[in-house]
Amino acid sequence: MSLARGLVHRLASRSNRDGEDRNLTPLIEFDGEAYVLMTPQLAGVARKDLGVLAGSVAEQRQSIVAPIDFLIAGFYDETT
C-alpha cells in the first residue's frame, strides 16, 4: 500500500538557520553538502505533484524524525 500524499521537509541553505530553533532545524547531509532541515515548514504533498527523486537521506532517519517528535511532544526521547 502506498499513501497518496507524502510528508515533505524543505531543505534550506545553512544561512537560513539563523534565529531558528536548532531542535527543529538540524543539519543533514545531502549530495556532499550540509542543509538545514526546515521542520517548521513540513507540508503534506500529493505524490503526483512531486518531481523526480533526487536522492535519499534514509541513513539520517533519526536526525529527520527527532525534530518531528520534538514538535509533537516538546522534548526528545534520547533513548531511541
N, C-alpha and C. Protein backbone atom coordinates (compact mmCIF):
# COMPACT_ATOMS: atom_id res chain seq x y z
N MET A 1 0.84 -1.18 0.00
CA MET A 1 0.00 0.00 0.00
C MET A 1 0.88 1.24 0.00
N SER A 2 0.49 2.23 -0.73
CA SER A 2 1.22 3.49 -0.79
C SER A 2 0.25 4.63 -0.51
N LEU A 3 0.70 5.58 0.28
CA LEU A 3 -0.12 6.74 0.58
C LEU A 3 -0.17 7.68 -0.61
N ALA A 4 -1.28 8.35 -0.79
CA ALA A 4 -1.42 9.29 -1.90
C ALA A 4 -0.66 10.59 -1.65
N ARG A 5 -0.39 10.86 -0.37
CA ARG A 5 0.33 12.08 -0.02
C ARG A 5 1.57 11.70 0.78
N GLY A 6 2.57 12.54 0.70
CA GLY A 6 3.79 12.34 1.47
C GLY A 6 4.09 13.58 2.30
N LEU A 7 4.76 13.38 3.41
CA LEU A 7 5.18 14.48 4.27
C LEU A 7 6.53 14.96 3.77
N VAL A 8 6.63 16.23 3.43
CA VAL A 8 7.82 16.77 2.79
C VAL A 8 8.48 17.82 3.68
N HIS A 9 9.79 17.66 3.87
CA HIS A 9 10.62 18.66 4.55
C HIS A 9 11.28 19.53 3.48
N ARG A 10 11.33 20.80 3.71
CA ARG A 10 12.10 21.68 2.84
C ARG A 10 13.54 21.67 3.33
N LEU A 11 14.49 21.59 2.42
CA LEU A 11 15.90 21.73 2.75
C LEU A 11 16.31 23.15 2.39
N ALA A 12 17.05 23.79 3.29
CA ALA A 12 17.48 25.17 3.07
C ALA A 12 18.99 25.26 3.25
N SER A 13 19.56 26.31 2.72
CA SER A 13 20.99 26.53 2.91
C SER A 13 21.26 26.84 4.38
N ARG A 14 22.48 26.62 4.82
CA ARG A 14 22.84 26.82 6.23
C ARG A 14 22.58 28.25 6.68
N SER A 15 22.65 29.21 5.79
CA SER A 15 22.45 30.61 6.17
C SER A 15 21.01 30.87 6.64
N ASN A 16 20.08 30.01 6.28
CA ASN A 16 18.68 30.16 6.70
C ASN A 16 18.42 29.67 8.12
N ARG A 17 19.44 29.18 8.79
CA ARG A 17 19.26 28.62 10.13
C ARG A 17 19.30 29.70 11.21
N ASP A 18 19.78 30.87 10.91
CA ASP A 18 19.88 31.93 11.91
C ASP A 18 18.52 32.22 12.52
N GLY A 19 18.45 32.22 13.83
CA GLY A 19 17.23 32.52 14.55
C GLY A 19 16.25 31.36 14.65
N GLU A 20 16.51 30.27 13.99
CA GLU A 20 15.62 29.11 14.06
C GLU A 20 15.99 28.24 15.26
N ASP A 21 15.00 27.57 15.83
CA ASP A 21 15.22 26.64 16.93
C ASP A 21 15.98 25.44 16.40
N ARG A 22 17.16 25.20 16.92
CA ARG A 22 18.01 24.13 16.40
C ARG A 22 17.46 22.74 16.70
N ASN A 23 16.55 22.63 17.66
CA ASN A 23 15.88 21.34 17.88
C ASN A 23 14.99 20.98 16.70
N LEU A 24 14.50 22.00 16.02
CA LEU A 24 13.58 21.79 14.90
C LEU A 24 14.26 21.89 13.54
N THR A 25 15.49 22.39 13.53
CA THR A 25 16.17 22.61 12.25
C THR A 25 17.58 22.02 12.27
N PRO A 26 17.68 20.69 12.34
CA PRO A 26 19.01 20.07 12.35
C PRO A 26 19.67 20.17 10.98
N LEU A 27 20.97 20.01 10.99
CA LEU A 27 21.71 19.92 9.73
C LEU A 27 21.72 18.47 9.26
N ILE A 28 21.51 18.27 7.98
CA ILE A 28 21.66 16.94 7.39
C ILE A 28 22.52 17.08 6.14
N GLU A 29 23.13 15.98 5.76
CA GLU A 29 23.98 15.95 4.57
C GLU A 29 23.20 15.38 3.39
N PHE A 30 23.35 16.04 2.26
CA PHE A 30 22.78 15.53 1.02
C PHE A 30 23.70 15.90 -0.13
N ASP A 31 24.10 14.91 -0.87
CA ASP A 31 24.95 15.11 -2.04
C ASP A 31 26.22 15.89 -1.69
N GLY A 32 26.80 15.56 -0.51
CA GLY A 32 28.05 16.16 -0.09
C GLY A 32 27.95 17.56 0.50
N GLU A 33 26.74 18.07 0.66
CA GLU A 33 26.53 19.41 1.21
C GLU A 33 25.68 19.32 2.47
N ALA A 34 25.88 20.26 3.40
CA ALA A 34 25.06 20.34 4.61
C ALA A 34 23.88 21.27 4.35
N TYR A 35 22.70 20.81 4.73
CA TYR A 35 21.48 21.60 4.58
C TYR A 35 20.74 21.64 5.91
N VAL A 36 19.91 22.66 6.07
CA VAL A 36 19.04 22.77 7.23
C VAL A 36 17.72 22.10 6.90
N LEU A 37 17.29 21.20 7.77
CA LEU A 37 16.00 20.53 7.62
C LEU A 37 14.96 21.45 8.27
N MET A 38 14.09 22.02 7.49
CA MET A 38 13.15 23.04 7.97
C MET A 38 11.85 22.39 8.47
N THR A 39 11.93 21.74 9.63
CA THR A 39 10.78 21.05 10.20
C THR A 39 9.57 21.97 10.41
N PRO A 40 9.75 23.25 10.80
CA PRO A 40 8.57 24.10 10.96
C PRO A 40 7.78 24.30 9.66
N GLN A 41 8.37 23.94 8.54
CA GLN A 41 7.71 24.12 7.25
C GLN A 41 7.28 22.79 6.62
N LEU A 42 7.06 21.77 7.45
CA LEU A 42 6.58 20.48 6.94
C LEU A 42 5.29 20.69 6.14
N ALA A 43 5.14 19.91 5.09
CA ALA A 43 3.94 20.02 4.26
C ALA A 43 3.53 18.65 3.74
N GLY A 44 2.24 18.44 3.67
CA GLY A 44 1.72 17.25 3.01
C GLY A 44 1.56 17.56 1.53
N VAL A 45 2.18 16.74 0.70
CA VAL A 45 2.17 16.99 -0.74
C VAL A 45 1.70 15.72 -1.46
N ALA A 46 0.83 15.90 -2.43
CA ALA A 46 0.38 14.76 -3.23
C ALA A 46 1.57 14.18 -3.97
N ARG A 47 1.72 12.87 -3.91
CA ARG A 47 2.85 12.21 -4.57
C ARG A 47 2.91 12.54 -6.06
N LYS A 48 1.76 12.70 -6.68
CA LYS A 48 1.74 13.01 -8.11
C LYS A 48 2.32 14.39 -8.40
N ASP A 49 2.38 15.26 -7.39
CA ASP A 49 2.92 16.60 -7.57
C ASP A 49 4.42 16.70 -7.28
N LEU A 50 5.00 15.61 -6.78
CA LEU A 50 6.43 15.61 -6.51
C LEU A 50 7.20 15.37 -7.80
N GLY A 51 8.36 15.96 -7.89
CA GLY A 51 9.20 15.78 -9.08
C GLY A 51 9.97 14.49 -9.01
N VAL A 52 11.01 14.42 -9.81
CA VAL A 52 11.88 13.26 -9.88
C VAL A 52 12.67 13.13 -8.58
N LEU A 53 12.81 11.91 -8.09
CA LEU A 53 13.57 11.65 -6.88
C LEU A 53 15.02 12.09 -7.08
N ALA A 54 15.50 12.95 -6.19
CA ALA A 54 16.86 13.49 -6.32
C ALA A 54 17.88 12.66 -5.57
N GLY A 55 17.43 11.83 -4.64
CA GLY A 55 18.34 11.01 -3.85
C GLY A 55 17.66 10.57 -2.58
N SER A 56 18.45 10.09 -1.63
CA SER A 56 17.90 9.59 -0.38
C SER A 56 18.74 10.06 0.80
N VAL A 57 18.06 10.32 1.89
CA VAL A 57 18.73 10.63 3.16
C VAL A 57 18.27 9.64 4.23
N ALA A 58 17.86 8.45 3.79
CA ALA A 58 17.31 7.43 4.69
C ALA A 58 18.27 7.07 5.82
N GLU A 59 19.56 7.12 5.57
CA GLU A 59 20.53 6.78 6.61
C GLU A 59 20.57 7.82 7.73
N GLN A 60 19.91 8.96 7.52
CA GLN A 60 19.85 10.02 8.53
C GLN A 60 18.46 10.08 9.17
N ARG A 61 17.77 8.96 9.15
CA ARG A 61 16.39 8.89 9.64
C ARG A 61 16.22 9.48 11.03
N GLN A 62 17.09 9.15 11.97
CA GLN A 62 16.95 9.65 13.34
C GLN A 62 17.02 11.18 13.37
N SER A 63 17.90 11.76 12.59
CA SER A 63 18.01 13.22 12.53
C SER A 63 16.78 13.86 11.91
N ILE A 64 16.06 13.11 11.10
CA ILE A 64 14.85 13.62 10.45
C ILE A 64 13.63 13.46 11.36
N VAL A 65 13.53 12.33 12.04
CA VAL A 65 12.36 12.04 12.87
C VAL A 65 12.41 12.77 14.22
N ALA A 66 13.59 12.95 14.78
CA ALA A 66 13.72 13.59 16.11
C ALA A 66 13.07 14.97 16.17
N PRO A 67 13.25 15.84 15.18
CA PRO A 67 12.58 17.14 15.25
C PRO A 67 11.05 17.05 15.17
N ILE A 68 10.54 16.03 14.46
CA ILE A 68 9.09 15.84 14.41
C ILE A 68 8.59 15.42 15.79
N ASP A 69 9.31 14.52 16.45
CA ASP A 69 8.97 14.13 17.82
C ASP A 69 8.99 15.35 18.73
N PHE A 70 10.00 16.19 18.58
CA PHE A 70 10.11 17.40 19.40
C PHE A 70 8.94 18.34 19.13
N LEU A 71 8.56 18.47 17.88
CA LEU A 71 7.44 19.33 17.51
C LEU A 71 6.14 18.87 18.16
N ILE A 72 5.94 17.55 18.21
CA ILE A 72 4.72 16.98 18.78
C ILE A 72 4.76 16.95 20.30
N ALA A 73 5.87 16.45 20.87
CA ALA A 73 5.94 16.21 22.31
C ALA A 73 6.62 17.33 23.09
N GLY A 74 7.41 18.15 22.44
CA GLY A 74 8.11 19.23 23.13
C GLY A 74 9.43 18.81 23.75
N PHE A 75 9.83 17.57 23.52
CA PHE A 75 11.12 17.09 24.03
C PHE A 75 11.56 15.92 23.17
N TYR A 76 12.87 15.64 23.24
CA TYR A 76 13.42 14.48 22.53
C TYR A 76 13.39 13.27 23.44
N ASP A 77 13.12 12.12 22.86
CA ASP A 77 13.29 10.85 23.56
C ASP A 77 14.67 10.35 23.20
N GLU A 78 15.63 10.58 24.08
CA GLU A 78 17.02 10.25 23.78
C GLU A 78 17.32 8.76 23.91
N THR A 79 16.32 7.95 24.26
CA THR A 79 16.55 6.51 24.40
C THR A 79 16.41 5.78 23.08
N THR A 80 15.87 6.45 22.04
CA THR A 80 15.69 5.78 20.75
C THR A 80 16.79 6.11 19.80
